[in-house]
C-alpha atoms as a PDB file:
ATOM      1  CA  MET A   1     -33.092  -7.445  89.975  1.00  0.00           C
ATOM      2  CA  LEU A   2     -34.829  -4.474  88.409  1.00  0.00           C
ATOM      3  CA  PHE A   3     -35.877  -1.487  90.462  1.00  0.00           C
ATOM      4  CA  ASN A   4     -39.586  -1.659  91.161  1.00  0.00           C
ATOM      5  CA  LYS A   5     -41.274   1.758  90.957  1.00  0.00           C
ATOM      6  CA  ASN A   6     -43.579   0.770  93.833  1.00  0.00           C
ATOM      7  CA  MET A   7     -40.507   0.570  96.094  1.00  0.00           C
ATOM      8  CA  ARG A   8     -40.377   4.375  96.147  1.00  0.00           C
ATOM      9  CA  LYS A   9     -43.404   4.286  98.440  1.00  0.00           C
ATOM     10  CA  GLN A  10     -41.433   2.126 100.901  1.00  0.00           C
ATOM     11  CA  ILE A  11     -38.368   4.381 101.062  1.00  0.00           C
ATOM     12  CA  PRO A  12     -38.846   7.586 103.094  1.00  0.00           C
ATOM     13  CA  ALA A  13     -37.327  10.912 102.082  1.00  0.00           C
ATOM     14  CA  ILE A  14     -33.761  11.606 103.194  1.00  0.00           C
ATOM     15  CA  ASN A  15     -34.822  14.420 105.528  1.00  0.00           C
ATOM     16  CA  VAL A  16     -36.933  12.032 107.648  1.00  0.00           C
ATOM     17  CA  THR A  17     -34.610   9.027 107.611  1.00  0.00           C
ATOM     18  CA  PRO A  18     -32.516   8.643 110.782  1.00  0.00           C
ATOM     19  CA  LEU A  19     -28.757   8.781 110.258  1.00  0.00           C
ATOM     20  CA  VAL A  20     -26.500   6.742 112.540  1.00  0.00           C
ATOM     21  CA  TRP A  21     -22.764   7.467 112.807  1.00  0.00           C
ATOM     22  CA  ILE A  22     -20.775   4.378 113.817  1.00  0.00           C
ATOM     23  CA  ASP A  23     -17.229   4.624 115.119  1.00  0.00           C
ATOM     24  CA  THR A  24     -17.135   1.902 117.790  1.00  0.00           C
ATOM     25  CA  GLU A  25     -17.178  -1.868 117.621  1.00  0.00           C
ATOM     26  CA  GLU A  26     -20.305  -2.079 119.789  1.00  0.00           C
ATOM     27  CA  GLY A  27     -22.036   0.483 117.560  1.00  0.00           C
ATOM     28  CA  LEU A  28     -21.185  -1.691 114.562  1.00  0.00           C
ATOM     29  CA  HIS A  29     -22.657  -4.792 116.242  1.00  0.00           C
ATOM     30  CA  GLU A  30     -25.855  -2.875 117.049  1.00  0.00           C
ATOM     31  CA  ALA A  31     -26.131  -1.611 113.455  1.00  0.00           C
ATOM     32  CA  ILE A  32     -25.671  -5.136 112.065  1.00  0.00           C
ATOM     33  CA  LYS A  33     -28.456  -6.382 114.361  1.00  0.00           C
ATOM     34  CA  GLU A  34     -30.767  -3.545 113.266  1.00  0.00           C
ATOM     35  CA  ILE A  35     -30.020  -4.129 109.576  1.00  0.00           C
ATOM     36  CA  LEU A  36     -30.656  -7.869 109.830  1.00  0.00           C
ATOM     37  CA  ASP A  37     -33.926  -7.254 111.701  1.00  0.00           C
ATOM     38  CA  CYS A  38     -35.016  -4.749 109.068  1.00  0.00           C
ATOM     39  CA  LEU A  39     -34.243  -7.149 106.217  1.00  0.00           C
ATOM     40  CA  LYS A  40     -36.089  -9.989 107.979  1.00  0.00           C
ATOM     41  CA  ASN A  41     -39.149  -7.779 108.531  1.00  0.00           C
ATOM     42  CA  GLY A  42     -39.957  -6.912 104.946  1.00  0.00           C
ATOM     43  CA  CYS A  43     -37.378  -4.401 103.767  1.00  0.00           C
ATOM     44  CA  ASN A  44     -35.855  -6.076 100.737  1.00  0.00           C
ATOM     45  CA  THR A  45     -33.365  -3.316  99.956  1.00  0.00           C
ATOM     46  CA  LEU A  46     -29.848  -2.645 101.214  1.00  0.00           C
ATOM     47  CA  ALA A  47     -27.801   0.093  99.559  1.00  0.00           C
ATOM     48  CA  VAL A  48     -24.002   0.037  99.933  1.00  0.00           C
ATOM     49  CA  ASP A  49     -21.375   2.661  99.153  1.00  0.00           C
ATOM     50  CA  LEU A  50     -17.666   2.685  99.979  1.00  0.00           C
ATOM     51  CA  GLU A  51     -15.327   5.642 100.233  1.00  0.00           C
ATOM     52  CA  TYR A  52     -11.624   4.884 100.032  1.00  0.00           C
ATOM     53  CA  HIS A  53      -8.215   6.457  99.903  1.00  0.00           C
ATOM     54  CA  CYS A  54      -5.340   5.275  97.699  1.00  0.00           C
ATOM     55  CA  VAL A  55      -2.177   5.324  99.783  1.00  0.00           C
ATOM     56  CA  GLU A  56       0.090   3.830  97.187  1.00  0.00           C
ATOM     57  CA  ARG A  57      -0.381   2.393  93.783  1.00  0.00           C
ATOM     58  CA  LYS A  58      -1.656  -0.932  95.079  1.00  0.00           C
ATOM     59  CA  ALA A  59      -2.731   0.010  98.602  1.00  0.00           C
ATOM     60  CA  ILE A  60      -6.295   1.124  99.168  1.00  0.00           C
ATOM     61  CA  ILE A  61      -7.736   1.942 102.584  1.00  0.00           C
ATOM     62  CA  ILE A  62     -11.500   1.974 103.052  1.00  0.00           C
ATOM     63  CA  SER A  63     -12.395   5.054 105.068  1.00  0.00           C
ATOM     64  CA  LEU A  64     -16.220   5.111 105.137  1.00  0.00           C
ATOM     65  CA  ILE A  65     -18.865   2.458 104.595  1.00  0.00           C
ATOM     66  CA  GLN A  66     -22.369   3.717 103.937  1.00  0.00           C
ATOM     67  CA  LEU A  67     -25.313   1.334 104.364  1.00  0.00           C
ATOM     68  CA  SER A  68     -28.967   2.249 103.912  1.00  0.00           C
ATOM     69  CA  THR A  69     -32.089   0.239 104.598  1.00  0.00           C
ATOM     70  CA  CYS A  70     -35.698   1.325 104.167  1.00  0.00           C
ATOM     71  CA  ASP A  71     -35.623   2.674 107.735  1.00  0.00           C
ATOM     72  CA  LYS A  72     -32.154   4.103 108.458  1.00  0.00           C
ATOM     73  CA  ASP A  73     -28.884   5.272 106.982  1.00  0.00           C
ATOM     74  CA  TYR A  74     -25.625   4.143 108.595  1.00  0.00           C
ATOM     75  CA  ILE A  75     -22.211   5.729 108.123  1.00  0.00           C
ATOM     76  CA  ILE A  76     -19.433   3.519 109.412  1.00  0.00           C
ATOM     77  CA  ASP A  77     -16.106   5.202 110.124  1.00  0.00           C
ATOM     78  CA  ALA A  78     -13.804   2.380 109.041  1.00  0.00           C
ATOM     79  CA  LEU A  79     -10.681   4.321 110.051  1.00  0.00           C
ATOM     80  CA  ALA A  80     -11.895   4.724 113.641  1.00  0.00           C
ATOM     81  CA  LEU A  81     -12.857   1.055 113.795  1.00  0.00           C
ATOM     82  CA  ARG A  82      -9.500   0.054 112.386  1.00  0.00           C
ATOM     83  CA  LYS A  83      -7.758   1.952 115.199  1.00  0.00           C
ATOM     84  CA  GLU A  84     -10.062   0.376 117.779  1.00  0.00           C
ATOM     85  CA  VAL A  85      -9.396  -3.187 116.592  1.00  0.00           C
ATOM     86  CA  ILE A  86      -5.645  -2.883 115.990  1.00  0.00           C
END
């Protein structure tokens, strides 16, 4: 899919977009609900970025997951969630 120049009008500037820090399982569930609602209600864009750390040659640990919709930016602390689940 090609980037549509008209989409810029849909995406607010970074300084007015709410940022949500997620480091609990219930926060993650709430973010997933919000993201799904946003995508169902006309936002057709979801940006994804992963930050990781290489522990060994073949071992990679994801440390942060960044998700952005037209309405909000979410930073998911995967290390904190890993500790909470384990």
